[in-house]
Amino acid sequence: MKTALPTRGRATAAVLADLKEFGAQDPNYKEGRLWSLVYYLDEDYADFMGDAYREFSSANGLNPTAFKSLKRFENEIIAAVAEMFHGTPEVCGVVTSGGTESCLLAVKTYRDLARARGVSKPEMVLPTTAHVAWFKASEYFGVKVRLLPLDKDLRADVKKLPRLCNRNTVMILGSAPDYPHGNIDPIEEFSAIALKRKIPLHVDACVGGFILPFMEMNGRKLPLWDYRVAGVTSISADVHKYGFAAKGASTITYRNLDYLKHQMFVYQDWPGGVFASPALLGTRPGGAYAAAWAAMQHFGKSGYRNLAKRTTQAFDKMRKGIEKMPELYVMGQPHGPLLGYGSCDPEVNIFAVGDQMDAKGWKINRLQAPDGLHAMITASHLEVMDDYLRDLKEAVATVKANPELAKTGSAATYGMMSHIPLRGMVRQKVLDMFAQMYKAGGEAIDLNEQPPAEPGIKGQINAVVDTVAQWYVTRQQQKVRRK
C-alpha cells in the first residue's frame, strides 16, 4: 500500500505529475460540463490567480498589525463590496474563508447581540430554500430554526413571516438569490416586518453578490435586496463565486460597527498574550486575500459587467430552451444566474433525465421538494448552451420512450430519497454512509454512478434506501389492510 508520506522525499517534477494524474477523474469543468462548485474562465486567468495567490501564500492574516498588506487587501475589498451594495460610509466587515463561514458568523453575531439584551433561547427565521450553511449554523450555535414556507411560485411566503417572529427571534434571513430556484426573496417586505419588530435582517448574497449588481447595471430589472433596503443589517457575498477569485474568499459586511463588534472574539487571560480575532479562523490565508483583491482589480466594474452580460445571455437561453420543451418546466420565477427545472409529464422522470445527461458527459445536480435538476450558470456556459439543450432534448425523449429508466441507477436512488417521509431515518443512514468516506482508507460516494456489481458504498446506500422504502411501503399497506 502506498503511504501518503514517503520514506524519502520525491522530486518536484514527479509530485507535480501525480497531481495531474489525480485530477484526471475530476469533473470536466474546463469545458463547461459542470454546473456548480467551480467558476472557471480559462487557463491564462487561472495562472494569474495562481501567481497572485503565490505572492502571499505564506502570509498570515491572524495578526492584522503584522501583515499590513493583508489588512490593506481586506480594507479595499470590503470598501468595494460596500459600494457595490449601495452602503453608507459606515458599512464595515471582514474577508472570510467562504460562504459557510460568512453565514456562521452572522448567526453567531445576532445570537450574541440578542444575548446582550437577555435572550436565552435564540431563534431565527429561515425560508425553506435557505442554504444548508444556515442549518449548520443553527446546529453549531444552538439557534432554533423556524421555517418560512414557500408560496405557489416557490418564493418565501412573506404573509406567514409575522407569526414566526417572537421576542426570541435574533434574525431573519433572505436570499439573493436562493440556491435551489434562483429566486430573490422579497427583501423589501421582509424589511418592513424586521424594522417594525426591531429584528436584524441578513441577506445571503453568497451566490449573487458579485453578479446581481452588474446585471442591474446592464439594465436587468431586479427586486431591491441590498443596503438600499432600510432593514437590511448585513450581507454575505462570496468573491470566489461570481467574483472569480481563487477559492477561499468571501465577505460579510454590516451596516455599522455596532453589529460587527458582536462577531469578534477576544480572550485576555491567555499566557500567550491577549488574543483577538474578527472571524472564525485563526490563521487567515494571505494567498486568498491577495487573489481576491487581484481578481477585483483585474475585472473592475467594466469586466464584471461583461461577465454578467454573458451569464445573463446564457441564463436566458437555457430558460427559453427548457420552456420550449413541453415535458419540462422552469421552477418559480428565477432572476438568475441559477435555475431549477422539473418534469410536468408523468411519463418523464426528471431524475432519469439527469442520469441520461450524466451519461452524455454533463455533471448535473438534483433537487427535491419538488424533484428537479439544477444549473448554476456562468459566462463560460454560453459557449456550450446549444450542446446542453440539444442533449437535454434527447435525454427527455429517451426517458419518455423508456419508462423503466426511472427504476434504475441514481434515478431510483434520488427518487426514493426525496419521497420517503421518514427524514430522520434517511438522515441517519446517509450519515452512516457518508462517514465511511472519512475512516482510514475511506472510499468516495457518488450517487450519479450506476451501482457496482460488487458491494460498495454506493451499493450500500442503494440497499439502505431500498430497505427504508420497502419498510415504509409495507407499513402503509398494513395501515390500508387494517382500515
Protein backbone atom coordinates (compact mmCIF):
# COMPACT_ATOMS: atom_id res chain seq x y z
CA MET A 1 0.00 0.00 0.00
CA LYS A 2 1.35 3.42 -0.96
CA THR A 3 1.59 5.72 2.05
CA ALA A 4 0.79 9.42 1.97
CA LEU A 5 4.16 10.33 3.48
CA PRO A 6 7.07 8.70 1.59
CA THR A 7 10.17 7.50 3.41
CA ARG A 8 12.34 9.71 1.24
CA GLY A 9 11.36 12.99 -0.36
CA ARG A 10 10.44 12.94 -4.04
CA ALA A 11 11.46 15.16 -6.95
CA THR A 12 9.13 18.09 -7.58
CA ALA A 13 8.52 17.00 -11.18
CA ALA A 14 7.27 13.60 -10.01
CA VAL A 15 4.98 15.16 -7.41
CA LEU A 16 3.50 17.57 -9.96
CA ALA A 17 2.94 14.70 -12.39
CA ASP A 18 0.99 12.87 -9.69
CA LEU A 19 -1.14 15.93 -9.07
CA LYS A 20 -2.17 16.00 -12.71
CA GLU A 21 -2.92 12.28 -12.63
CA PHE A 22 -5.06 12.59 -9.51
CA GLY A 23 -7.18 15.24 -11.22
CA ALA A 24 -7.92 13.05 -14.24
CA GLN A 25 -11.12 11.68 -12.67
CA ASP A 26 -12.46 15.07 -11.57
CA PRO A 27 -15.38 16.76 -13.39
CA ASN A 28 -14.54 18.31 -16.75
CA TYR A 29 -15.23 21.87 -15.65
CA LYS A 30 -12.78 23.45 -18.11
CA GLU A 31 -15.10 22.60 -20.99
CA GLY A 32 -18.27 23.83 -19.27
CA ARG A 33 -19.60 20.39 -18.33
CA LEU A 34 -20.03 21.18 -14.64
CA TRP A 35 -22.95 23.26 -13.34
CA SER A 36 -21.84 24.05 -9.79
CA LEU A 37 -18.81 24.27 -7.49
CA VAL A 38 -16.41 25.85 -9.99
CA TYR A 39 -16.16 29.29 -11.62
CA TYR A 40 -13.66 28.92 -14.42
CA LEU A 41 -12.72 31.23 -17.28
CA ASP A 42 -9.54 29.98 -18.97
CA GLU A 43 -6.00 28.83 -18.25
CA ASP A 44 -4.44 32.28 -18.57
CA TYR A 45 -6.75 33.63 -15.90
CA ALA A 46 -6.17 30.56 -13.72
CA ASP A 47 -2.41 31.21 -13.99
CA PHE A 48 -2.99 34.83 -12.98
CA MET A 49 -4.90 33.70 -9.88
CA GLY A 50 -2.16 31.23 -9.07
CA ASP A 51 0.50 33.92 -9.35
CA ALA A 52 -1.44 36.33 -7.13
CA TYR A 53 -2.06 33.62 -4.55
CA ARG A 54 1.58 32.51 -4.57
CA GLU A 55 2.87 36.02 -3.85
CA PHE A 56 1.23 35.86 -0.41
CA SER A 57 0.82 32.11 0.11
CA SER A 58 2.90 32.18 3.30
CA ALA A 59 1.41 35.38 4.69
CA ASN A 60 -0.96 35.06 7.66
CA GLY A 61 -3.82 37.40 8.46
CA LEU A 62 -4.03 36.20 12.06
CA ASN A 63 -2.48 39.44 13.30
CA PRO A 64 -3.59 42.43 11.21
CA THR A 65 -0.75 44.55 12.63
CA ALA A 66 1.91 42.13 11.32
CA PHE A 67 1.00 41.77 7.65
CA LYS A 68 -0.21 45.24 6.83
CA SER A 69 -0.50 44.20 3.18
CA LEU A 70 -3.27 41.74 4.02
CA LYS A 71 -5.18 44.31 6.05
CA ARG A 72 -4.94 46.68 3.11
CA PHE A 73 -6.34 43.99 0.81
CA GLU A 74 -9.17 43.36 3.25
CA ASN A 75 -9.96 47.05 3.68
CA GLU A 76 -10.11 47.65 -0.06
CA ILE A 77 -12.18 44.51 -0.72
CA ILE A 78 -14.73 45.49 1.93
CA ALA A 79 -14.85 49.09 0.69
CA ALA A 80 -15.55 47.90 -2.85
CA VAL A 81 -18.25 45.49 -1.66
CA ALA A 82 -19.88 48.23 0.43
CA GLU A 83 -20.05 50.45 -2.65
CA MET A 84 -21.44 47.62 -4.81
CA PHE A 85 -24.22 47.13 -2.28
CA HIS A 86 -25.05 50.85 -2.00
CA GLY A 87 -23.85 51.05 1.58
CA THR A 88 -23.07 54.18 3.54
CA PRO A 89 -19.50 55.00 4.66
CA GLU A 90 -20.33 53.22 7.93
CA VAL A 91 -20.62 49.79 6.28
CA CYS A 92 -17.81 47.55 7.56
CA GLY A 93 -16.87 43.89 7.59
CA VAL A 94 -14.26 41.20 7.08
CA VAL A 95 -12.99 38.79 4.46
CA THR A 96 -13.80 35.17 5.32
CA SER A 97 -12.80 31.76 4.01
CA GLY A 98 -16.08 31.10 2.21
CA GLY A 99 -19.84 31.43 2.25
CA THR A 100 -20.30 28.97 5.08
CA GLU A 101 -18.04 30.95 7.39
CA SER A 102 -19.88 34.14 6.48
CA CYS A 103 -23.23 32.53 7.28
CA LEU A 104 -21.96 31.05 10.54
CA LEU A 105 -20.64 34.45 11.59
CA ALA A 106 -23.97 36.18 11.01
CA VAL A 107 -25.76 33.69 13.26
CA LYS A 108 -23.09 33.98 15.95
CA THR A 109 -23.24 37.78 15.77
CA TYR A 110 -27.01 38.07 16.08
CA ARG A 111 -27.19 35.39 18.77
CA ASP A 112 -24.69 37.34 20.86
CA LEU A 113 -26.38 40.65 20.14
CA ALA A 114 -29.68 39.19 21.37
CA ARG A 115 -27.97 37.58 24.35
CA ALA A 116 -26.82 41.04 25.44
CA ARG A 117 -30.48 42.02 25.77
CA GLY A 118 -31.41 38.88 27.68
CA VAL A 119 -32.47 36.34 25.04
CA SER A 120 -31.51 32.87 26.30
CA LYS A 121 -33.43 30.72 23.79
CA PRO A 122 -32.49 32.23 20.43
CA GLU A 123 -34.44 31.55 17.24
CA MET A 124 -34.07 32.62 13.63
CA VAL A 125 -36.47 32.60 10.71
CA LEU A 126 -35.18 30.95 7.54
CA PRO A 127 -37.02 30.41 4.25
CA THR A 128 -37.28 26.74 3.31
CA THR A 129 -34.86 27.45 0.45
CA ALA A 130 -32.12 28.87 2.73
CA HIS A 131 -28.69 27.42 2.05
CA VAL A 132 -27.76 24.44 4.21
CA ALA A 133 -24.99 26.52 5.82
CA TRP A 134 -27.70 28.24 7.88
CA PHE A 135 -28.90 24.93 9.26
CA LYS A 136 -25.31 24.05 10.08
CA ALA A 137 -25.06 27.37 11.94
CA SER A 138 -28.23 26.51 13.83
CA GLU A 139 -26.70 23.25 14.99
CA TYR A 140 -23.31 24.76 15.82
CA PHE A 141 -24.56 27.79 17.76
CA GLY A 142 -27.78 26.50 19.30
CA VAL A 143 -30.15 28.84 17.46
CA LYS A 144 -33.53 27.25 16.77
CA VAL A 145 -34.81 27.43 13.19
CA ARG A 146 -38.34 28.49 12.41
CA LEU A 147 -39.00 27.69 8.75
CA LEU A 148 -40.82 30.10 6.47
CA PRO A 149 -42.68 28.06 3.81
CA LEU A 150 -42.86 28.87 0.11
CA ASP A 151 -45.80 30.16 -1.88
CA LYS A 152 -47.10 28.65 -5.11
CA ASP A 153 -44.31 30.37 -7.07
CA LEU A 154 -41.66 28.80 -4.81
CA ARG A 155 -40.89 32.17 -3.20
CA ALA A 156 -40.70 32.72 0.54
CA ASP A 157 -44.28 33.36 1.71
CA VAL A 158 -43.88 36.73 3.41
CA LYS A 159 -47.50 36.68 4.63
CA LYS A 160 -46.54 33.95 7.07
CA LEU A 161 -43.45 35.71 8.38
CA PRO A 162 -45.01 37.79 11.21
CA ARG A 163 -46.42 34.76 13.03
CA LEU A 164 -42.96 33.12 13.05
CA CYS A 165 -41.33 36.08 14.83
CA ASN A 166 -41.31 36.48 18.59
CA ARG A 167 -39.16 38.01 21.31
CA ASN A 168 -36.62 35.18 20.92
CA THR A 169 -36.09 35.91 17.20
CA VAL A 170 -32.49 37.04 16.76
CA MET A 171 -32.52 37.41 12.96
CA ILE A 172 -34.49 36.98 9.76
CA LEU A 173 -32.82 35.64 6.61
CA GLY A 174 -33.46 36.43 2.98
CA SER A 175 -31.55 35.09 -0.04
CA ALA A 176 -30.45 36.96 -3.16
CA PRO A 177 -30.94 34.62 -4.86
CA ASP A 178 -31.81 31.31 -3.21
CA TYR A 179 -29.74 28.37 -4.41
CA PRO A 180 -32.43 25.83 -5.43
CA HIS A 181 -34.58 28.00 -7.71
CA GLY A 182 -32.73 31.28 -8.26
CA ASN A 183 -35.47 33.47 -6.75
CA ILE A 184 -34.61 36.68 -4.89
CA ASP A 185 -36.60 36.62 -1.67
CA PRO A 186 -38.97 39.58 -1.02
CA ILE A 187 -36.36 41.53 0.92
CA GLU A 188 -38.32 44.80 0.99
CA GLU A 189 -41.32 43.06 2.53
CA PHE A 190 -39.04 41.26 4.99
CA SER A 191 -37.51 44.63 5.86
CA ALA A 192 -40.84 46.22 6.77
CA ILE A 193 -41.52 43.43 9.25
CA ALA A 194 -37.96 43.41 10.59
CA LEU A 195 -37.96 47.16 11.20
CA LYS A 196 -41.34 47.07 12.92
CA ARG A 197 -40.17 44.32 15.26
CA LYS A 198 -36.58 45.59 15.57
CA ILE A 199 -35.12 42.30 14.30
CA PRO A 200 -31.85 42.19 12.28
CA LEU A 201 -32.25 41.15 8.64
CA HIS A 202 -29.38 39.36 6.91
CA VAL A 203 -29.23 38.89 3.14
CA ASP A 204 -27.40 35.81 1.91
CA ALA A 205 -25.91 37.00 -1.37
CA CYS A 206 -23.07 34.50 -1.29
CA VAL A 207 -24.04 33.45 -4.80
CA GLY A 208 -25.48 36.66 -6.16
CA GLY A 209 -23.34 39.34 -4.55
CA PHE A 210 -20.82 39.62 -7.38
CA ILE A 211 -23.26 39.38 -10.27
CA LEU A 212 -26.62 40.91 -9.33
CA PRO A 213 -25.22 44.46 -9.07
CA PHE A 214 -23.73 44.16 -12.56
CA MET A 215 -26.85 42.56 -14.02
CA GLU A 216 -28.68 45.63 -12.76
CA MET A 217 -26.04 47.94 -14.28
CA ASN A 218 -26.72 46.19 -17.59
CA GLY A 219 -30.40 47.10 -17.37
CA ARG A 220 -31.79 43.93 -15.78
CA LYS A 221 -34.78 44.82 -13.56
CA LEU A 222 -34.32 43.17 -10.16
CA PRO A 223 -36.05 43.48 -6.78
CA LEU A 224 -34.15 45.59 -4.26
CA TRP A 225 -32.14 43.42 -1.87
CA ASP A 226 -29.05 45.32 -0.67
CA TYR A 227 -28.37 48.23 1.72
CA ARG A 228 -30.85 50.39 -0.20
CA VAL A 229 -33.42 48.44 1.82
CA ALA A 230 -33.53 50.12 5.22
CA GLY A 231 -33.99 46.97 7.32
CA VAL A 232 -31.02 45.08 5.86
CA THR A 233 -28.37 44.95 8.59
CA SER A 234 -25.81 42.62 6.97
CA ILE A 235 -24.93 40.90 3.69
CA SER A 236 -22.70 37.93 2.86
CA ALA A 237 -21.14 37.68 -0.60
CA ASP A 238 -18.53 35.29 -2.00
CA VAL A 239 -15.67 36.68 -4.07
CA HIS A 240 -14.73 33.15 -5.13
CA LYS A 241 -18.03 32.63 -6.93
CA TYR A 242 -19.05 35.24 -9.50
CA GLY A 243 -16.16 37.43 -8.38
CA PHE A 244 -13.90 34.74 -9.92
CA ALA A 245 -11.33 34.83 -7.13
CA ALA A 246 -9.34 31.78 -6.09
CA LYS A 247 -11.16 29.52 -3.65
CA GLY A 248 -11.26 30.64 -0.06
CA ALA A 249 -12.62 34.20 -0.27
CA SER A 250 -15.98 35.51 0.91
CA THR A 251 -17.13 38.65 2.70
CA ILE A 252 -19.57 39.59 5.41
CA THR A 253 -20.48 43.24 5.81
CA TYR A 254 -22.63 45.01 8.40
CA ARG A 255 -24.48 48.30 8.24
CA ASN A 256 -22.29 49.64 11.04
CA LEU A 257 -19.67 48.69 13.61
CA ASP A 258 -22.21 48.22 16.40
CA TYR A 259 -23.22 44.93 14.73
CA LEU A 260 -19.73 43.81 13.74
CA LYS A 261 -18.41 44.08 17.30
CA HIS A 262 -20.61 41.15 18.31
CA GLN A 263 -18.89 38.97 15.70
CA MET A 264 -15.45 39.41 17.25
CA PHE A 265 -13.71 37.23 19.83
CA VAL A 266 -11.32 38.50 22.50
CA TYR A 267 -9.60 36.49 25.24
CA GLN A 268 -7.48 38.48 27.66
CA ASP A 269 -6.12 35.80 30.07
CA TRP A 270 -4.14 33.51 27.75
CA PRO A 271 -0.49 33.05 28.77
CA GLY A 272 0.43 33.71 25.16
CA GLY A 273 -0.94 37.22 25.43
CA VAL A 274 -4.23 38.97 24.79
CA PHE A 275 -5.85 37.36 21.74
CA ALA A 276 -8.38 38.95 19.40
CA SER A 277 -9.96 37.51 16.27
CA PRO A 278 -12.53 39.11 13.93
CA ALA A 279 -13.87 35.88 12.41
CA LEU A 280 -13.92 32.10 12.87
CA LEU A 281 -10.45 31.33 11.58
CA GLY A 282 -7.25 31.99 13.49
CA THR A 283 -4.75 31.65 10.67
CA ARG A 284 -6.21 33.51 7.70
CA PRO A 285 -4.56 32.57 4.38
CA GLY A 286 -2.85 35.55 2.78
CA GLY A 287 -2.97 34.00 -0.67
CA ALA A 288 -6.76 34.05 -0.69
CA TYR A 289 -6.79 37.74 0.27
CA ALA A 290 -4.31 38.62 -2.46
CA ALA A 291 -6.11 36.62 -5.15
CA ALA A 292 -9.48 38.14 -4.22
CA TRP A 293 -8.06 41.65 -4.38
CA ALA A 294 -6.29 40.85 -7.66
CA ALA A 295 -9.48 39.47 -9.23
CA MET A 296 -11.45 42.58 -8.31
CA GLN A 297 -8.72 44.88 -9.59
CA HIS A 298 -8.40 42.89 -12.81
CA PHE A 299 -12.08 42.98 -13.73
CA GLY A 300 -13.25 46.27 -12.30
CA LYS A 301 -16.83 47.34 -12.96
CA SER A 302 -16.48 47.00 -16.71
CA GLY A 303 -15.14 43.45 -16.55
CA TYR A 304 -17.82 42.28 -14.16
CA ARG A 305 -20.49 43.91 -16.30
CA ASN A 306 -19.22 41.97 -19.31
CA LEU A 307 -19.22 38.69 -17.37
CA ALA A 308 -22.74 39.44 -16.12
CA LYS A 309 -23.88 40.16 -19.67
CA ARG A 310 -22.60 36.83 -20.97
CA THR A 311 -24.00 34.98 -17.96
CA THR A 312 -27.41 36.57 -18.44
CA GLN A 313 -27.39 35.61 -22.11
CA ALA A 314 -26.60 32.01 -21.17
CA PHE A 315 -29.26 32.02 -18.46
CA ASP A 316 -31.95 33.41 -20.78
CA LYS A 317 -31.01 30.91 -23.47
CA MET A 318 -31.30 27.98 -21.07
CA ARG A 319 -34.58 29.17 -19.62
CA LYS A 320 -36.17 29.73 -23.02
CA GLY A 321 -34.81 26.40 -24.29
CA ILE A 322 -36.31 24.48 -21.37
CA GLU A 323 -39.64 26.31 -21.66
CA LYS A 324 -39.87 25.16 -25.31
CA MET A 325 -39.81 21.52 -24.19
CA PRO A 326 -43.42 20.56 -23.36
CA GLU A 327 -42.31 17.87 -20.92
CA LEU A 328 -40.35 20.29 -18.71
CA TYR A 329 -40.97 23.46 -16.71
CA VAL A 330 -38.76 26.05 -15.05
CA MET A 331 -39.30 26.23 -11.30
CA GLY A 332 -40.56 29.50 -9.86
CA GLN A 333 -39.59 32.85 -11.36
CA PRO A 334 -35.79 32.81 -11.25
CA HIS A 335 -33.96 36.09 -11.57
CA GLY A 336 -30.66 34.39 -12.44
CA PRO A 337 -27.98 33.20 -12.56
CA LEU A 338 -29.37 29.92 -11.16
CA LEU A 339 -32.41 27.90 -12.09
CA GLY A 340 -34.09 24.59 -11.39
CA TYR A 341 -36.35 22.68 -13.73
CA GLY A 342 -38.60 19.67 -13.39
CA SER A 343 -40.92 17.41 -15.35
CA CYS A 344 -44.58 18.24 -15.99
CA ASP A 345 -45.07 14.98 -17.92
CA PRO A 346 -45.85 11.89 -15.79
CA GLU A 347 -44.04 9.77 -18.38
CA VAL A 348 -40.77 11.66 -17.91
CA ASN A 349 -38.88 11.02 -14.68
CA ILE A 350 -36.67 14.04 -14.14
CA PHE A 351 -34.02 12.07 -12.25
CA ALA A 352 -33.79 9.62 -15.15
CA VAL A 353 -33.26 12.63 -17.42
CA GLY A 354 -30.42 13.61 -15.10
CA ASP A 355 -28.89 10.15 -15.49
CA GLN A 356 -29.03 10.48 -19.28
CA MET A 357 -27.35 13.88 -19.11
CA ASP A 358 -24.64 12.46 -16.86
CA ALA A 359 -24.07 9.72 -19.40
CA LYS A 360 -23.57 12.39 -22.06
CA GLY A 361 -20.76 13.91 -20.01
CA TRP A 362 -22.63 16.65 -18.12
CA LYS A 363 -22.39 16.86 -14.33
CA ILE A 364 -25.95 17.55 -13.20
CA ASN A 365 -27.16 18.39 -9.69
CA ARG A 366 -30.50 17.14 -8.34
CA LEU A 367 -33.23 18.97 -6.40
CA GLN A 368 -36.01 17.67 -4.18
CA ALA A 369 -39.36 19.05 -2.96
CA PRO A 370 -40.12 19.40 -5.84
CA ASP A 371 -37.99 16.95 -7.81
CA GLY A 372 -35.78 18.64 -10.34
CA LEU A 373 -32.42 19.31 -11.92
CA HIS A 374 -30.30 22.37 -11.25
CA ALA A 375 -27.90 24.68 -13.05
CA MET A 376 -25.60 27.39 -11.75
CA ILE A 377 -24.84 29.27 -14.95
CA THR A 378 -21.63 31.18 -15.67
CA ALA A 379 -20.34 33.20 -18.62
CA SER A 380 -18.40 30.16 -19.86
CA HIS A 381 -21.62 28.18 -20.27
CA LEU A 382 -22.73 30.46 -23.10
CA GLU A 383 -20.36 28.59 -25.39
CA VAL A 384 -21.86 25.17 -24.62
CA MET A 385 -25.53 26.07 -24.15
CA ASP A 386 -26.62 24.84 -27.59
CA ASP A 387 -24.98 21.47 -26.92
CA TYR A 388 -26.59 21.27 -23.47
CA LEU A 389 -30.09 21.99 -24.76
CA ARG A 390 -29.69 19.52 -27.64
CA ASP A 391 -28.58 16.78 -25.25
CA LEU A 392 -31.36 17.67 -22.81
CA LYS A 393 -33.99 17.32 -25.53
CA GLU A 394 -32.55 13.94 -26.50
CA ALA A 395 -32.44 12.84 -22.85
CA VAL A 396 -36.11 13.70 -22.36
CA ALA A 397 -37.07 11.74 -25.49
CA THR A 398 -35.03 8.73 -24.34
CA VAL A 399 -36.63 8.67 -20.89
CA LYS A 400 -40.12 9.11 -22.31
CA ALA A 401 -39.57 6.18 -24.64
CA ASN A 402 -38.06 4.01 -21.90
CA PRO A 403 -40.05 4.44 -18.65
CA GLU A 404 -38.09 1.62 -16.98
CA LEU A 405 -35.14 4.02 -16.69
CA ALA A 406 -36.90 5.62 -13.73
CA LYS A 407 -36.36 2.41 -11.75
CA THR A 408 -32.61 2.11 -12.27
CA GLY A 409 -29.41 3.94 -11.39
CA SER A 410 -29.44 7.15 -9.43
CA ALA A 411 -32.98 7.91 -10.68
CA ALA A 412 -34.24 5.20 -8.35
CA THR A 413 -31.98 6.32 -5.52
CA TYR A 414 -32.83 10.01 -5.73
CA GLY A 415 -36.50 9.24 -6.28
CA MET A 416 -36.75 7.23 -3.07
CA MET A 417 -34.53 9.62 -1.12
CA SER A 418 -36.71 12.60 -1.97
CA HIS A 419 -40.06 10.96 -1.30
CA ILE A 420 -39.56 8.80 1.79
CA PRO A 421 -41.26 10.77 4.58
CA LEU A 422 -39.07 9.26 7.32
CA ARG A 423 -36.50 12.03 7.03
CA GLY A 424 -34.79 11.31 10.34
CA MET A 425 -34.18 7.71 9.34
CA VAL A 426 -32.85 8.77 5.96
CA ARG A 427 -30.59 11.32 7.66
CA GLN A 428 -29.07 8.76 9.99
CA LYS A 429 -28.46 6.20 7.26
CA VAL A 430 -26.90 8.76 4.92
CA LEU A 431 -24.74 9.99 7.81
CA ASP A 432 -23.54 6.44 8.43
CA MET A 433 -22.64 6.01 4.77
CA PHE A 434 -21.09 9.45 4.40
CA ALA A 435 -18.89 8.87 7.43
CA GLN A 436 -17.31 5.91 5.63
CA MET A 437 -15.54 8.41 3.37
CA TYR A 438 -13.56 9.66 6.37
CA LYS A 439 -12.50 6.44 8.00
CA ALA A 440 -8.98 5.18 7.33
CA GLY A 441 -8.91 4.31 3.63
CA GLY A 442 -12.45 5.57 3.16
CA GLU A 443 -13.95 5.48 -0.32
CA ALA A 444 -15.90 8.12 -2.20
CA ILE A 445 -19.67 8.17 -2.62
CA ASP A 446 -21.13 9.12 -5.98
CA LEU A 447 -24.90 8.86 -6.32
CA ASN A 448 -24.65 9.51 -10.03
CA GLU A 449 -22.77 6.30 -10.76
CA GLN A 450 -24.52 3.04 -11.50
CA PRO A 451 -24.43 0.66 -8.52
CA PRO A 452 -21.30 -1.51 -8.63
CA ALA A 453 -21.64 -5.18 -9.36
CA GLU A 454 -19.93 -5.95 -6.06
CA PRO A 455 -20.98 -4.40 -2.72
CA GLY A 456 -19.52 -0.97 -2.10
CA ILE A 457 -20.51 2.37 -0.61
CA LYS A 458 -22.90 3.19 -3.47
CA GLY A 459 -24.36 -0.30 -3.29
CA GLN A 460 -24.79 0.05 0.44
CA ILE A 461 -26.62 3.35 0.03
CA ASN A 462 -28.94 1.83 -2.56
CA ALA A 463 -29.58 -1.11 -0.27
CA VAL A 464 -30.29 1.14 2.69
CA VAL A 465 -32.69 3.34 0.72
CA ASP A 466 -34.39 0.28 -0.74
CA THR A 467 -34.83 -1.14 2.75
CA VAL A 468 -36.25 2.09 4.12
CA ALA A 469 -38.59 2.48 1.15
CA GLN A 470 -39.77 -1.10 1.36
CA TRP A 471 -40.34 -0.77 5.10
CA TYR A 472 -42.38 2.37 4.54
CA VAL A 473 -44.46 0.86 1.72
CA THR A 474 -45.13 -2.29 3.79
CA ARG A 475 -46.20 -0.16 6.72
CA GLN A 476 -48.59 1.85 4.54
CA GLN A 477 -50.06 -1.35 3.09
CA GLN A 478 -50.64 -2.69 6.59
CA LYS A 479 -52.47 0.51 7.50
CA VAL A 480 -54.69 0.14 4.43
CA ARG A 481 -55.48 -3.51 5.32
CA ARG A 482 -56.34 -2.51 8.90
CA LYS A 483 -58.80 0.07 7.61
